[in-house]
Amino acid sequence: MIASRRWQDWTTTLIGALVALSPLVFTKTWTENEAWIGYIVGGLIFVVGVAKLLFEEAGYLEWAQFGLAVALFLSPWVIGFTAVAGMAWAAWIGAVALVLALATLVLTEQPTAVRAA
């Protein structure tokens, strides 16, 4: 049973799958370290996204996906592969996942009741 109907969850999950599969498609432009970043971080974004789609009350997964998207976006500078266009662009697509994860966090934030003093 699919718990989530938000398009942000579906899109972020798809982006994770595309980033995880991109080293297999663009094999000539990736080194081994860059490929592992794509496999691991993209795969984790995908797995967390699937879990979010299945379990509606798992709000902590929103934060996990947000953190993974930040790591993916920053990885070209941290690991040092900004000159490798294929992997850098795949990682910068993480910016889209980052924005969508942040949007989902903002949309699902429950307003707290303000009590009169």
N, C-alpha and C. Protein backbone atom coordinates (compact mmCIF):
# COMPACT_ATOMS: atom_id res chain seq x y z
N MET A 1 0.84 -1.18 0.00
CA MET A 1 0.00 0.00 0.00
C MET A 1 0.89 1.24 0.00
N ILE A 2 0.58 2.16 -0.86
CA ILE A 2 1.34 3.40 -0.97
C ILE A 2 0.68 4.43 -0.05
N ALA A 3 1.47 4.95 0.89
CA ALA A 3 0.93 5.88 1.87
C ALA A 3 0.98 7.33 1.39
N SER A 4 1.93 7.66 0.55
CA SER A 4 2.12 9.06 0.16
C SER A 4 1.54 9.33 -1.22
N ARG A 5 0.92 10.47 -1.33
CA ARG A 5 0.39 10.92 -2.61
C ARG A 5 1.05 12.21 -3.06
N ARG A 6 2.05 12.70 -2.31
CA ARG A 6 2.71 13.95 -2.65
C ARG A 6 3.67 13.74 -3.81
N TRP A 7 3.62 14.64 -4.77
CA TRP A 7 4.49 14.51 -5.95
C TRP A 7 5.94 14.72 -5.57
N GLN A 8 6.22 15.48 -4.50
CA GLN A 8 7.60 15.70 -4.09
C GLN A 8 8.27 14.40 -3.67
N ASP A 9 7.53 13.53 -2.98
CA ASP A 9 8.09 12.25 -2.54
C ASP A 9 8.41 11.37 -3.75
N TRP A 10 7.52 11.33 -4.70
CA TRP A 10 7.73 10.52 -5.89
C TRP A 10 8.92 11.04 -6.70
N THR A 11 9.00 12.35 -6.87
CA THR A 11 10.08 12.94 -7.67
C THR A 11 11.43 12.76 -7.01
N THR A 12 11.52 12.96 -5.70
CA THR A 12 12.78 12.80 -4.99
C THR A 12 13.25 11.35 -5.05
N THR A 13 12.32 10.41 -4.95
CA THR A 13 12.66 9.00 -5.06
C THR A 13 13.19 8.68 -6.46
N LEU A 14 12.56 9.22 -7.48
CA LEU A 14 13.01 9.02 -8.85
C LEU A 14 14.40 9.61 -9.07
N ILE A 15 14.65 10.79 -8.52
CA ILE A 15 15.98 11.42 -8.65
C ILE A 15 17.04 10.53 -8.00
N GLY A 16 16.74 9.97 -6.84
CA GLY A 16 17.68 9.06 -6.19
C GLY A 16 18.01 7.86 -7.07
N ALA A 17 16.99 7.29 -7.71
CA ALA A 17 17.22 6.15 -8.61
C ALA A 17 18.06 6.56 -9.81
N LEU A 18 17.78 7.72 -10.38
CA LEU A 18 18.54 8.18 -11.56
C LEU A 18 20.00 8.45 -11.21
N VAL A 19 20.25 9.05 -10.05
CA VAL A 19 21.63 9.30 -9.65
C VAL A 19 22.35 7.99 -9.38
N ALA A 20 21.66 7.03 -8.76
CA ALA A 20 22.29 5.74 -8.46
C ALA A 20 22.61 4.97 -9.74
N LEU A 21 21.79 5.11 -10.77
CA LEU A 21 22.00 4.39 -12.03
C LEU A 21 22.90 5.13 -13.01
N SER A 22 23.13 6.41 -12.79
CA SER A 22 23.91 7.19 -13.75
C SER A 22 25.35 6.70 -13.95
N PRO A 23 26.05 6.15 -12.94
CA PRO A 23 27.39 5.62 -13.22
C PRO A 23 27.36 4.44 -14.20
N LEU A 24 26.25 3.70 -14.23
CA LEU A 24 26.14 2.59 -15.16
C LEU A 24 25.92 3.07 -16.59
N VAL A 25 25.26 4.20 -16.74
CA VAL A 25 24.96 4.73 -18.07
C VAL A 25 26.16 5.49 -18.64
N PHE A 26 26.78 6.32 -17.81
CA PHE A 26 27.90 7.16 -18.25
C PHE A 26 29.21 6.59 -17.73
N THR A 27 29.53 5.36 -18.11
CA THR A 27 30.68 4.66 -17.55
C THR A 27 32.01 5.26 -17.95
N LYS A 28 32.11 5.90 -19.08
CA LYS A 28 33.40 6.41 -19.55
C LYS A 28 33.82 7.72 -18.89
N THR A 29 32.88 8.44 -18.29
CA THR A 29 33.21 9.73 -17.70
C THR A 29 33.34 9.69 -16.18
N TRP A 30 33.19 8.53 -15.57
CA TRP A 30 33.22 8.43 -14.12
C TRP A 30 34.46 7.66 -13.67
N THR A 31 35.06 8.13 -12.59
CA THR A 31 36.10 7.33 -11.95
C THR A 31 35.45 6.48 -10.88
N GLU A 32 36.22 5.60 -10.28
CA GLU A 32 35.65 4.67 -9.31
C GLU A 32 35.08 5.39 -8.08
N ASN A 33 35.82 6.37 -7.55
CA ASN A 33 35.33 7.09 -6.36
C ASN A 33 34.04 7.83 -6.63
N GLU A 34 33.97 8.49 -7.77
CA GLU A 34 32.77 9.23 -8.13
C GLU A 34 31.59 8.30 -8.32
N ALA A 35 31.84 7.16 -8.93
CA ALA A 35 30.77 6.19 -9.14
C ALA A 35 30.22 5.69 -7.81
N TRP A 36 31.09 5.43 -6.85
CA TRP A 36 30.62 4.96 -5.55
C TRP A 36 29.77 6.01 -4.84
N ILE A 37 30.13 7.27 -4.99
CA ILE A 37 29.29 8.34 -4.42
C ILE A 37 27.89 8.26 -5.03
N GLY A 38 27.83 8.12 -6.35
CA GLY A 38 26.53 8.01 -7.01
C GLY A 38 25.76 6.79 -6.57
N TYR A 39 26.43 5.64 -6.52
CA TYR A 39 25.75 4.41 -6.10
C TYR A 39 25.21 4.52 -4.67
N ILE A 40 26.08 4.96 -3.76
CA ILE A 40 25.70 4.95 -2.34
C ILE A 40 24.70 6.04 -2.00
N VAL A 41 25.04 7.28 -2.31
CA VAL A 41 24.15 8.38 -1.91
C VAL A 41 22.86 8.35 -2.72
N GLY A 42 22.96 8.15 -4.03
CA GLY A 42 21.75 8.05 -4.85
C GLY A 42 20.88 6.87 -4.44
N GLY A 43 21.53 5.75 -4.15
CA GLY A 43 20.79 4.57 -3.70
C GLY A 43 20.11 4.79 -2.37
N LEU A 44 20.79 5.47 -1.45
CA LEU A 44 20.17 5.76 -0.15
C LEU A 44 19.00 6.73 -0.28
N ILE A 45 19.14 7.73 -1.16
CA ILE A 45 18.01 8.64 -1.40
C ILE A 45 16.82 7.85 -1.94
N PHE A 46 17.09 6.90 -2.84
CA PHE A 46 16.02 6.07 -3.39
C PHE A 46 15.38 5.20 -2.31
N VAL A 47 16.20 4.53 -1.50
CA VAL A 47 15.66 3.63 -0.47
C VAL A 47 14.85 4.41 0.57
N VAL A 48 15.36 5.56 0.99
CA VAL A 48 14.61 6.39 1.94
C VAL A 48 13.31 6.87 1.29
N GLY A 49 13.37 7.20 0.01
CA GLY A 49 12.16 7.63 -0.70
C GLY A 49 11.11 6.55 -0.77
N VAL A 50 11.53 5.32 -1.03
CA VAL A 50 10.58 4.20 -1.06
C VAL A 50 9.97 4.01 0.32
N ALA A 51 10.79 4.10 1.37
CA ALA A 51 10.28 3.96 2.73
C ALA A 51 9.27 5.07 3.04
N LYS A 52 9.55 6.30 2.57
CA LYS A 52 8.61 7.40 2.77
C LYS A 52 7.29 7.14 2.06
N LEU A 53 7.39 6.53 0.87
CA LEU A 53 6.16 6.24 0.13
C LEU A 53 5.33 5.16 0.82
N LEU A 54 6.00 4.27 1.52
CA LEU A 54 5.29 3.16 2.17
C LEU A 54 4.77 3.51 3.55
N PHE A 55 5.49 4.31 4.29
CA PHE A 55 5.13 4.61 5.68
C PHE A 55 4.86 6.10 5.84
N GLU A 56 3.61 6.44 6.00
CA GLU A 56 3.22 7.84 6.04
C GLU A 56 3.69 8.54 7.32
N GLU A 57 3.72 7.84 8.43
CA GLU A 57 4.04 8.47 9.71
C GLU A 57 5.53 8.50 10.02
N ALA A 58 6.38 8.27 9.06
CA ALA A 58 7.82 8.27 9.27
C ALA A 58 8.40 9.64 8.92
N GLY A 59 8.11 10.63 9.73
CA GLY A 59 8.55 11.99 9.46
C GLY A 59 10.06 12.17 9.51
N TYR A 60 10.73 11.33 10.28
CA TYR A 60 12.19 11.41 10.38
C TYR A 60 12.85 11.09 9.04
N LEU A 61 12.17 10.37 8.17
CA LEU A 61 12.74 10.05 6.86
C LEU A 61 12.86 11.29 5.99
N GLU A 62 12.00 12.28 6.23
CA GLU A 62 12.12 13.54 5.50
C GLU A 62 13.48 14.18 5.79
N TRP A 63 13.86 14.18 7.06
CA TRP A 63 15.14 14.77 7.45
C TRP A 63 16.31 13.95 6.91
N ALA A 64 16.17 12.63 6.90
CA ALA A 64 17.23 11.77 6.36
C ALA A 64 17.42 12.05 4.88
N GLN A 65 16.34 12.17 4.15
CA GLN A 65 16.45 12.44 2.72
C GLN A 65 17.01 13.84 2.46
N PHE A 66 16.66 14.78 3.30
CA PHE A 66 17.21 16.13 3.18
C PHE A 66 18.73 16.11 3.39
N GLY A 67 19.18 15.42 4.41
CA GLY A 67 20.62 15.31 4.68
C GLY A 67 21.37 14.62 3.56
N LEU A 68 20.80 13.57 3.01
CA LEU A 68 21.43 12.87 1.89
C LEU A 68 21.50 13.75 0.65
N ALA A 69 20.46 14.53 0.42
CA ALA A 69 20.46 15.44 -0.74
C ALA A 69 21.53 16.52 -0.57
N VAL A 70 21.71 17.01 0.65
CA VAL A 70 22.77 17.99 0.91
C VAL A 70 24.13 17.35 0.64
N ALA A 71 24.33 16.13 1.13
CA ALA A 71 25.61 15.42 0.91
C ALA A 71 25.86 15.20 -0.58
N LEU A 72 24.83 14.83 -1.32
CA LEU A 72 24.98 14.62 -2.76
C LEU A 72 25.33 15.92 -3.47
N PHE A 73 24.66 16.99 -3.10
CA PHE A 73 24.91 18.27 -3.74
C PHE A 73 26.33 18.78 -3.47
N LEU A 74 26.82 18.60 -2.27
CA LEU A 74 28.14 19.09 -1.89
C LEU A 74 29.28 18.17 -2.29
N SER A 75 28.99 16.94 -2.67
CA SER A 75 30.04 15.96 -2.94
C SER A 75 31.02 16.36 -4.05
N PRO A 76 30.64 17.05 -5.11
CA PRO A 76 31.66 17.45 -6.10
C PRO A 76 32.75 18.33 -5.52
N TRP A 77 32.39 19.20 -4.60
CA TRP A 77 33.40 20.08 -4.00
C TRP A 77 34.19 19.37 -2.90
N VAL A 78 33.50 18.55 -2.12
CA VAL A 78 34.16 17.85 -1.01
C VAL A 78 35.12 16.79 -1.53
N ILE A 79 34.68 15.98 -2.49
CA ILE A 79 35.50 14.91 -3.04
C ILE A 79 36.45 15.45 -4.11
N GLY A 80 36.08 16.53 -4.77
CA GLY A 80 36.96 17.17 -5.73
C GLY A 80 36.79 16.70 -7.17
N PHE A 81 35.56 16.55 -7.61
CA PHE A 81 35.36 16.14 -9.00
C PHE A 81 34.47 17.11 -9.75
N THR A 82 34.62 18.40 -9.48
CA THR A 82 33.82 19.39 -10.20
C THR A 82 34.18 19.46 -11.68
N ALA A 83 35.39 19.04 -12.04
CA ALA A 83 35.81 19.08 -13.44
C ALA A 83 35.23 17.93 -14.25
N VAL A 84 34.75 16.90 -13.60
CA VAL A 84 34.15 15.75 -14.29
C VAL A 84 32.68 16.06 -14.49
N ALA A 85 32.36 16.52 -15.68
CA ALA A 85 31.03 17.07 -15.94
C ALA A 85 29.89 16.09 -15.68
N GLY A 86 30.02 14.86 -16.11
CA GLY A 86 28.92 13.90 -15.96
C GLY A 86 28.54 13.67 -14.52
N MET A 87 29.52 13.38 -13.69
CA MET A 87 29.23 13.12 -12.28
C MET A 87 28.84 14.38 -11.54
N ALA A 88 29.50 15.49 -11.85
CA ALA A 88 29.18 16.73 -11.16
C ALA A 88 27.73 17.12 -11.44
N TRP A 89 27.30 17.01 -12.68
CA TRP A 89 25.91 17.36 -12.99
C TRP A 89 24.94 16.39 -12.35
N ALA A 90 25.28 15.13 -12.30
CA ALA A 90 24.41 14.16 -11.63
C ALA A 90 24.29 14.50 -10.14
N ALA A 91 25.40 14.91 -9.54
CA ALA A 91 25.36 15.28 -8.13
C ALA A 91 24.60 16.59 -7.93
N TRP A 92 24.75 17.53 -8.85
CA TRP A 92 24.05 18.80 -8.71
C TRP A 92 22.56 18.65 -8.94
N ILE A 93 22.15 17.58 -9.58
CA ILE A 93 20.72 17.29 -9.66
C ILE A 93 20.20 17.03 -8.25
N GLY A 94 21.12 16.68 -7.37
CA GLY A 94 20.77 16.56 -5.96
C GLY A 94 20.19 17.85 -5.41
N ALA A 95 20.49 18.98 -6.04
CA ALA A 95 19.89 20.25 -5.62
C ALA A 95 18.38 20.21 -5.80
N VAL A 96 17.92 19.55 -6.84
CA VAL A 96 16.48 19.40 -7.04
C VAL A 96 15.90 18.55 -5.92
N ALA A 97 16.59 17.44 -5.60
CA ALA A 97 16.13 16.60 -4.50
C ALA A 97 16.17 17.37 -3.18
N LEU A 98 17.17 18.21 -3.03
CA LEU A 98 17.31 19.03 -1.83
C LEU A 98 16.12 19.98 -1.69
N VAL A 99 15.77 20.66 -2.76
CA VAL A 99 14.65 21.60 -2.73
C VAL A 99 13.34 20.86 -2.49
N LEU A 100 13.16 19.71 -3.13
CA LEU A 100 11.92 18.95 -2.94
C LEU A 100 11.81 18.40 -1.53
N ALA A 101 12.93 17.92 -0.97
CA ALA A 101 12.90 17.42 0.40
C ALA A 101 12.59 18.56 1.37
N LEU A 102 13.16 19.72 1.12
CA LEU A 102 12.89 20.88 1.97
C LEU A 102 11.42 21.30 1.84
N ALA A 103 10.90 21.28 0.62
CA ALA A 103 9.49 21.63 0.41
C ALA A 103 8.58 20.66 1.14
N THR A 104 8.92 19.39 1.11
CA THR A 104 8.12 18.39 1.82
C THR A 104 8.18 18.62 3.31
N LEU A 105 9.36 18.98 3.83
CA LEU A 105 9.48 19.28 5.25
C LEU A 105 8.61 20.47 5.64
N VAL A 106 8.63 21.50 4.82
CA VAL A 106 7.84 22.69 5.12
C VAL A 106 6.35 22.39 5.02
N LEU A 107 5.95 21.62 4.01
CA LEU A 107 4.53 21.32 3.82
C LEU A 107 3.97 20.40 4.89
N THR A 108 4.82 19.54 5.44
CA THR A 108 4.33 18.57 6.42
C THR A 108 4.53 19.04 7.86
N GLU A 109 5.16 20.19 8.04
CA GLU A 109 5.38 20.71 9.39
C GLU A 109 4.04 21.01 10.03
N GLN A 110 3.79 20.41 11.18
CA GLN A 110 2.53 20.61 11.88
C GLN A 110 2.59 21.90 12.69
N PRO A 111 1.63 22.78 12.51
CA PRO A 111 1.63 24.01 13.31
C PRO A 111 1.36 23.68 14.76
N THR A 112 2.07 24.34 15.64
CA THR A 112 1.88 24.12 17.07
C THR A 112 0.85 25.10 17.60
N ALA A 113 0.05 24.63 18.50
CA ALA A 113 -0.98 25.48 19.07
C ALA A 113 -0.33 26.46 20.06
N VAL A 114 -0.73 27.70 19.95
CA VAL A 114 -0.21 28.71 20.87
C VAL A 114 -1.21 28.83 22.02
N ARG A 115 -0.69 28.64 23.21
CA ARG A 115 -1.56 28.70 24.39
C ARG A 115 -1.56 30.12 24.95
N ALA A 116 -2.74 30.56 25.32
CA ALA A 116 -2.85 31.89 25.94
C ALA A 116 -2.28 31.84 27.34
N ALA A 117 -1.58 32.88 27.70
CA ALA A 117 -0.95 32.91 29.04
C ALA A 117 -1.91 33.20 30.13
